[in-house]
Protein backbone atom coordinates (compact mmCIF):
# COMPACT_ATOMS: atom_id res chain seq x y z
CA UNK A 1 11.85 88.81 184.80
CA UNK A 2 9.66 91.91 184.49
CA UNK A 3 5.99 91.78 183.57
CA UNK A 4 4.51 94.61 181.50
CA UNK A 5 0.80 95.46 181.65
CA UNK A 6 -1.48 97.82 179.75
CA UNK A 7 -3.74 99.91 181.99
CA UNK A 8 -6.29 102.64 181.32
CA UNK A 9 -3.81 105.38 182.22
CA UNK A 10 -0.80 103.88 180.39
CA UNK A 11 1.68 101.04 180.82
CA UNK A 12 3.03 99.54 184.02
CA UNK A 13 5.90 97.27 184.93
CA UNK A 14 6.24 94.86 187.85
CA UNK A 15 9.66 93.49 188.79
CA UNK A 16 10.11 90.64 191.27
CA UNK A 17 13.34 90.40 193.26
CA UNK A 18 14.81 88.78 196.36
CA UNK A 19 15.98 90.84 199.33
CA UNK A 20 17.61 88.63 201.93
CA UNK A 21 15.26 85.69 202.47
CA UNK A 22 12.19 87.56 201.25
CA UNK A 23 10.73 87.99 197.79
CA UNK A 24 9.49 91.46 196.92
CA UNK A 25 8.01 93.27 193.93
CA UNK A 26 8.56 96.77 192.62
CA UNK A 27 5.78 98.31 190.55
CA UNK A 28 5.71 101.56 188.62
CA UNK A 29 3.12 102.84 186.17
CA UNK A 30 2.21 105.87 184.11
CA UNK A 31 4.39 105.09 181.06
CA UNK A 32 3.06 106.33 177.74
CA UNK A 33 4.25 103.33 175.71
CA UNK A 34 5.09 99.68 176.29
CA UNK A 35 8.67 100.39 175.15
CA UNK A 36 9.17 103.06 177.85
CA UNK A 37 7.95 100.63 180.53
CA UNK A 38 10.28 97.90 179.23
CA UNK A 39 13.30 100.25 179.26
CA UNK A 40 12.54 101.43 182.81
CA UNK A 41 12.08 97.85 184.00
CA UNK A 42 15.38 96.82 182.39
CA UNK A 43 17.20 99.69 184.17
CA UNK A 44 15.73 98.60 187.48
CA UNK A 45 16.73 94.97 186.93
CA UNK A 46 20.26 96.12 186.05
CA UNK A 47 20.52 98.02 189.34
CA UNK A 48 19.25 95.01 191.26
CA UNK A 49 21.77 92.79 189.48
CA UNK A 50 24.74 94.93 190.60
CA UNK A 51 23.50 95.05 194.19
CA UNK A 52 21.79 98.42 194.50
CA UNK A 53 19.34 98.81 197.38
CA UNK A 54 16.33 100.15 195.47
CA UNK A 55 14.40 100.78 198.67
CA UNK A 56 17.12 103.11 200.01
CA UNK A 57 15.61 106.00 198.09
CA UNK A 58 12.46 105.79 200.20
CA UNK A 59 14.21 107.32 203.23
CA UNK A 60 13.64 110.99 203.97
CA UNK A 61 16.19 113.36 202.46
CA UNK A 62 16.64 115.20 205.78
CA UNK A 63 17.25 111.93 207.64
CA UNK A 64 19.74 110.75 205.02
CA UNK A 65 21.75 114.00 205.22
CA UNK A 66 21.72 114.06 209.02
CA UNK A 67 22.98 110.46 209.07
CA UNK A 68 25.63 111.34 206.43
CA UNK A 69 26.82 114.24 208.59
CA UNK A 70 26.96 112.21 211.81
CA UNK A 71 28.91 109.31 210.23
CA UNK A 72 31.18 110.91 207.65
CA UNK A 73 31.66 114.55 208.66
CA UNK A 74 31.26 115.04 212.40
CA UNK A 75 34.59 115.07 214.20
CA UNK A 76 36.56 114.88 210.95
CA UNK A 77 37.13 118.61 210.38
CA UNK A 78 37.80 121.79 212.33
CA UNK A 79 34.91 122.82 214.62
CA UNK A 80 34.23 125.85 212.42
CA UNK A 81 34.00 123.80 209.21
CA UNK A 82 31.93 121.14 210.95
CA UNK A 83 29.53 123.81 212.19
CA UNK A 84 29.26 125.16 208.65
CA UNK A 85 28.27 121.72 207.30
CA UNK A 86 25.69 121.25 210.06
CA UNK A 87 24.06 124.58 209.13
CA UNK A 88 23.45 123.08 205.69
CA UNK A 89 21.94 119.97 207.31
CA UNK A 90 19.58 122.14 209.37
CA UNK A 91 18.47 124.01 206.25
CA UNK A 92 17.58 120.69 204.61
CA UNK A 93 15.67 119.60 207.73
CA UNK A 94 13.77 122.89 207.68
CA UNK A 95 12.93 123.05 203.96
CA UNK A 96 12.44 119.38 202.99
CA UNK A 97 10.22 117.86 205.72
CA UNK A 98 8.66 114.60 204.56
CA UNK A 99 10.48 114.59 201.21
CA UNK A 100 11.91 111.22 200.21
CA UNK A 101 15.40 111.45 198.76
CA UNK A 102 14.35 109.65 195.56
CA UNK A 103 11.61 112.24 194.98
CA UNK A 104 13.99 115.21 195.12
CA UNK A 105 14.32 116.85 191.70
CA UNK A 106 15.86 119.95 190.12
CA UNK A 107 12.68 122.02 190.36
CA UNK A 108 12.34 121.32 194.09
CA UNK A 109 16.00 122.08 194.71
CA UNK A 110 15.96 125.32 192.70
CA UNK A 111 12.87 126.45 194.62
CA UNK A 112 14.80 125.74 197.84
CA UNK A 113 17.73 127.88 196.65
CA UNK A 114 15.32 130.64 195.63
CA UNK A 115 13.68 130.50 199.06
CA UNK A 116 16.89 130.92 201.07
CA UNK A 117 18.50 133.48 198.73
CA UNK A 118 16.87 136.60 200.28
CA UNK A 119 18.41 135.73 203.65
CA UNK A 120 22.03 135.23 202.57
CA UNK A 121 24.82 136.69 200.45
CA UNK A 122 25.70 134.75 197.29
CA UNK A 123 28.87 133.27 198.80
CA UNK A 124 26.93 131.91 201.79
CA UNK A 125 24.27 130.36 199.52
CA UNK A 126 27.09 128.77 197.51
CA UNK A 127 28.66 127.26 200.65
CA UNK A 128 25.34 125.73 201.75
CA UNK A 129 24.78 124.40 198.22
CA UNK A 130 28.25 122.80 198.04
CA UNK A 131 27.67 120.89 201.30
CA UNK A 132 24.28 119.61 200.14
CA UNK A 133 25.61 118.74 196.70
CA UNK A 134 28.46 116.74 198.28
CA UNK A 135 25.93 114.73 200.28
CA UNK A 136 23.80 114.01 197.21
CA UNK A 137 26.82 112.95 195.17
CA UNK A 138 27.64 110.43 197.88
CA UNK A 139 24.04 109.23 197.64
CA UNK A 140 24.53 108.69 193.90
CA UNK A 141 27.79 106.82 194.55
CA UNK A 142 25.96 104.58 197.05
CA UNK A 143 23.18 103.86 194.56
CA UNK A 144 20.53 105.56 196.71
CA UNK A 145 19.61 107.95 193.87
CA UNK A 146 20.67 107.96 190.26
CA UNK A 147 20.50 111.59 189.13
CA UNK A 148 21.93 114.78 190.62
CA UNK A 149 19.02 117.12 191.49
CA UNK A 150 21.48 120.01 191.92
CA UNK A 151 22.69 119.81 188.30
CA UNK A 152 23.06 123.30 186.78
CA UNK A 153 21.08 124.96 189.56
CA UNK A 154 21.47 128.76 189.62
CA UNK A 155 23.09 130.09 192.82
CA UNK A 156 22.35 133.69 193.76
CA UNK A 157 22.02 135.45 197.10
CA UNK A 158 20.20 138.75 197.58
CA UNK A 159 21.77 140.01 200.77
CA UNK A 160 24.53 142.49 200.07
CA UNK A 161 28.11 141.53 200.79
CA UNK A 162 30.10 143.91 202.95
CA UNK A 163 31.64 146.58 200.74
CA UNK A 164 35.00 145.34 199.50
CA UNK A 165 36.44 148.81 199.93
CA UNK A 166 35.75 148.60 203.66
CA UNK A 167 37.65 145.35 204.07
CA UNK A 168 41.17 146.67 203.65
CA UNK A 169 43.30 149.76 204.19
CA UNK A 170 45.10 151.53 201.39
CA UNK A 171 48.85 152.04 201.47
CA UNK A 172 48.80 155.51 203.06
CA UNK A 173 46.31 154.46 205.74
CA UNK A 174 48.47 151.43 206.47
CA UNK A 175 51.61 153.54 206.92
CA UNK A 176 49.83 155.79 209.42
CA UNK A 177 48.50 152.78 211.32
CA UNK A 178 51.94 151.12 211.56
CA UNK A 179 53.48 154.40 212.80
CA UNK A 180 50.88 154.56 215.56
CA UNK A 181 51.21 150.86 216.45
CA UNK A 182 54.97 151.01 216.90
CA UNK A 183 54.87 154.08 219.17
CA UNK A 184 53.86 152.14 222.25
CA UNK A 185 54.73 148.45 221.95
CA UNK A 186 54.42 146.82 225.35
CA UNK A 187 53.70 143.24 226.34
CA UNK A 188 50.48 144.18 228.09
CA UNK A 189 49.29 145.60 224.76
CA UNK A 190 49.62 142.27 222.95
CA UNK A 191 46.86 143.24 220.52
CA UNK A 192 49.29 145.67 218.88
CA UNK A 193 51.77 142.87 218.19
CA UNK A 194 48.99 140.73 216.73
CA UNK A 195 47.87 143.56 214.44
CA UNK A 196 51.41 144.18 213.18
CA UNK A 197 51.92 140.46 212.57
CA UNK A 198 48.62 140.29 210.67
CA UNK A 199 49.68 143.18 208.45
CA UNK A 200 53.05 141.58 207.73
CA UNK A 201 51.84 138.03 207.03
CA UNK A 202 48.17 138.05 206.05
CA UNK A 203 47.67 135.13 208.44
CA UNK A 204 44.20 134.28 209.74
CA UNK A 205 43.49 135.30 213.33
CA UNK A 206 43.30 131.68 214.52
CA UNK A 207 46.65 131.00 212.81
CA UNK A 208 48.24 133.96 214.59
CA UNK A 209 46.99 132.81 218.01
CA UNK A 210 48.27 129.29 217.24
CA UNK A 211 51.81 130.48 216.43
CA UNK A 212 54.48 129.00 218.71
CA UNK A 213 58.09 130.13 219.04
CA UNK A 214 59.43 126.94 217.48
CA UNK A 215 57.67 127.99 214.27
CA UNK A 216 59.70 131.22 214.01
CA UNK A 217 63.03 130.91 212.19
CA UNK A 218 64.93 134.11 212.96
CA UNK A 219 68.00 133.00 211.00
CA UNK A 220 66.16 132.56 207.70
CA UNK A 221 63.44 135.08 208.61
CA UNK A 222 60.53 132.73 208.00
CA UNK A 223 57.53 131.51 209.95
CA UNK A 224 55.77 128.15 209.65
CA UNK A 225 51.99 128.02 209.99
CA UNK A 226 51.02 124.44 210.82
CA UNK A 227 48.17 124.79 213.34
CA UNK A 228 45.53 127.15 214.67
CA UNK A 229 44.12 128.03 218.07
CA UNK A 230 40.49 127.09 218.65
CA UNK A 231 39.13 129.82 220.93
CA UNK A 232 35.49 128.79 220.64
CA UNK A 233 35.34 125.07 221.36
CA UNK A 234 38.57 123.38 222.47
CA UNK A 235 40.59 126.32 223.81
CA UNK A 236 43.61 124.49 222.50
CA UNK A 237 45.51 123.87 219.27
CA UNK A 238 43.54 122.73 216.24
CA UNK A 239 44.18 121.89 212.59
CA UNK A 240 44.58 124.48 209.87
CA UNK A 241 41.64 125.21 207.57
CA UNK A 242 42.95 122.80 204.92
CA UNK A 243 46.20 121.16 203.79
CA UNK A 244 47.21 124.20 201.71
CA UNK A 245 46.95 126.36 204.84
CA UNK A 246 50.03 124.63 206.24
CA UNK A 247 52.83 126.79 204.86
CA UNK A 248 56.18 128.44 205.48
CA UNK A 249 56.40 132.11 204.48
CA UNK A 250 58.97 134.86 204.75
CA UNK A 251 58.85 137.77 207.17
CA UNK A 252 60.64 141.08 206.83
CA UNK A 253 63.47 142.26 209.12
CA UNK A 254 61.30 144.78 211.00
CA UNK A 255 58.73 142.10 211.81
CA UNK A 256 61.48 139.69 212.86
CA UNK A 257 62.95 142.35 215.19
CA UNK A 258 59.52 143.03 216.70
CA UNK A 259 59.08 139.30 217.36
CA UNK A 260 62.51 139.10 218.99
CA UNK A 261 61.57 142.01 221.24
CA UNK A 262 58.29 140.29 222.13
CA UNK A 263 60.02 137.03 223.03
CA UNK A 264 62.58 138.87 225.20
CA UNK A 265 59.79 140.70 227.06
CA UNK A 266 57.99 137.42 227.70
CA UNK A 267 61.19 135.85 229.06
CA UNK A 268 61.72 138.84 231.38
CA UNK A 269 58.19 138.57 232.76
CA UNK A 270 58.64 134.83 233.29
CA UNK A 271 61.84 135.47 235.26
CA UNK A 272 60.24 138.19 237.36
CA UNK A 273 56.88 136.58 238.11
CA UNK A 274 57.43 132.85 237.72
CA UNK A 275 54.60 132.72 235.16
CA UNK A 276 55.15 130.18 232.41
CA UNK A 277 54.18 130.19 228.76
CA UNK A 278 53.12 126.53 228.94
CA UNK A 279 52.12 126.19 225.28
CA UNK A 280 55.13 128.19 223.99
CA UNK A 281 52.71 130.59 222.29
CA UNK A 282 54.03 133.71 220.56
CA UNK A 283 51.18 136.10 221.24
CA UNK A 284 50.47 135.91 224.96
CA UNK A 285 50.31 139.02 227.14
CA UNK A 286 52.04 139.89 230.42
CA UNK A 287 49.93 137.33 232.29
CA UNK A 288 50.84 134.66 229.73
CA UNK A 289 47.30 134.58 228.35
CA UNK A 290 45.82 134.91 224.88
CA UNK A 291 43.44 137.73 224.03
CA UNK A 292 40.11 137.45 222.24
CA UNK A 293 39.27 138.44 218.70
CA UNK A 294 36.91 141.07 220.11
CA UNK A 295 39.72 142.64 222.12
CA UNK A 296 41.95 142.88 219.05
CA UNK A 297 39.12 144.29 216.93
CA UNK A 298 38.38 146.91 219.57
CA UNK A 299 42.03 148.01 219.63
CA UNK A 300 42.30 147.99 215.84
CA UNK A 301 39.17 150.06 215.28
CA UNK A 302 40.25 152.61 217.90
CA UNK A 303 43.67 152.98 216.26
CA UNK A 304 42.17 153.23 212.76
CA UNK A 305 39.89 155.99 213.97
CA UNK A 306 42.79 157.77 215.62
CA UNK A 307 44.88 157.87 212.43
CA UNK A 308 41.93 158.73 210.17
CA UNK A 309 41.76 155.35 208.43
CA UNK A 310 38.77 153.15 207.62
CA UNK A 311 37.73 151.03 210.60
CA UNK A 312 38.37 147.35 209.82
CA UNK A 313 38.43 144.08 211.75
CA UNK A 314 41.36 141.72 212.27
CA UNK A 315 40.22 139.76 209.20
CA UNK A 316 40.52 143.00 207.26
CA UNK A 317 44.27 142.87 207.96
CA UNK A 318 44.42 139.71 205.82
CA UNK A 319 42.70 141.53 202.96
CA UNK A 320 44.98 144.52 203.52
CA UNK A 321 48.08 142.33 203.22
CA UNK A 322 46.86 140.70 200.01
CA UNK A 323 45.70 143.99 198.49
CA UNK A 324 49.02 145.65 199.26
CA UNK A 325 50.95 142.87 197.50
CA UNK A 326 48.63 142.93 194.49
CA UNK A 327 48.99 146.68 194.06
CA UNK A 328 52.78 146.29 194.27
CA UNK A 329 52.67 143.79 191.39
CA UNK A 330 53.47 140.62 193.34
CA UNK A 331 52.56 137.42 191.45
CA UNK A 332 49.02 136.22 192.25
CA UNK A 333 50.14 132.58 192.47
CA UNK A 334 52.66 133.48 195.19
CA UNK A 335 50.05 135.55 197.06
CA UNK A 336 47.64 132.62 196.95
CA UNK A 337 50.23 130.30 198.50
CA UNK A 338 51.22 132.92 201.07
CA UNK A 339 47.60 133.29 202.17
CA UNK A 340 47.15 129.51 202.36
CA UNK A 341 44.37 129.34 199.79
CA UNK A 342 43.64 125.82 198.61
CA UNK A 343 43.28 126.89 194.96
CA UNK A 344 44.29 130.07 193.15
CA UNK A 345 40.67 130.55 192.04
CA UNK A 346 39.82 131.49 195.63
CA UNK A 347 42.38 134.30 195.49
CA UNK A 348 41.17 135.49 192.09
CA UNK A 349 37.53 135.54 193.23
CA UNK A 350 38.22 137.21 196.57
CA UNK A 351 40.33 139.99 195.09
CA UNK A 352 38.65 140.35 191.70
CA UNK A 353 37.78 144.00 192.44
CA UNK A 354 41.46 144.86 192.87
CA UNK A 355 42.52 142.84 189.83
CA UNK A 356 39.89 144.64 187.75
CA UNK A 357 41.28 147.98 188.88
CA UNK A 358 44.82 146.90 188.04
CA UNK A 359 43.68 145.60 184.64
CA UNK A 360 42.36 149.04 183.74
CA UNK A 361 45.74 150.59 184.57
CA UNK A 362 47.70 147.89 182.75
CA UNK A 363 45.62 148.26 179.59
CA UNK A 364 47.10 151.75 179.24
CA UNK A 365 50.56 150.29 179.91
CA UNK A 366 50.14 148.25 176.71
CA UNK A 367 49.67 151.52 174.81
CA UNK A 368 52.86 152.92 176.35
CA UNK A 369 54.81 149.77 175.48
CA UNK A 370 53.67 149.78 171.86
CA UNK A 371 54.48 153.47 171.63
CA UNK A 372 58.05 152.69 172.69
CA UNK A 373 58.29 149.86 170.14
CA UNK A 374 57.15 152.08 167.29
CA UNK A 375 59.57 154.78 168.39
CA UNK A 376 57.20 157.63 169.15
CA UNK A 377 58.38 160.98 167.92
């Protein structure tokens, strides 16, 4: 039963409760009216009745999030995603020293977002925010806190994103690049095969390195992406980015023929040298080894420069593939699945600049269509 007292600075409640074999009290003051103190005391007693640990909120926010990461996140995701979550943990440790999780409020959290915004692009700030918000929602579910301090917080980064125009090649640039790539296809130049495959599929670089020959169906001209290659940590196969990233997509006849040629060259080298492709990987060179992302980027930039195209990275090939399909009128839902995006919103947000450009063109197409319906003279 709660006791309510009138003090000089307002009203106060005191609630007695049992924790294990010990009796404890929880006191809180500063209420303007007796009614406010009674309501707050009743809420506390309700939480105690359903088993909430009301002292859990006294732990430091940074300690709670670090513990949350170590128990629930570490070792459960790809190394890249795990590293991304830990960056969010480190930001909390840096910006909230000594702050108890129960004392965290919207003002404090918005000030935190405002403080980190000059150092990051908006998308990066959003990623950090999502990780922190996920942790705090778990804290609410566990009864550690009872309100979401991230509710309706404004997310905005100040650092400029890389120009979208620089992330992909246009159709004419792409044609010139493919012509140059196919002039000198040799196994020792495995980067060229990787670039061509990236153009044809839009696959992520780690997905390309993780491709094995059993995932290539030459009869039906499809490939199955069901794993990646972790070049940074494990130097072995790893999981795809998410469940939606596991997919089977079509490849064109030219790409299928190039892959057949690549496999034949690898088999010849194996016969001649005795070297073995132990992991059955598609994109190994003449010494049966994978190449680095830096090596592919170096080759790609040199070739782009040679043909007078914008210099892009291997990730730019993914954007190039998607942009090419969008400009050719391919359905966005299909493109999203082909790229392995978890939700179509990701595709719409990533390629909004292209969709806006297409919308402007299509708005005039409406005029042409109506003109035909009215029978223009």
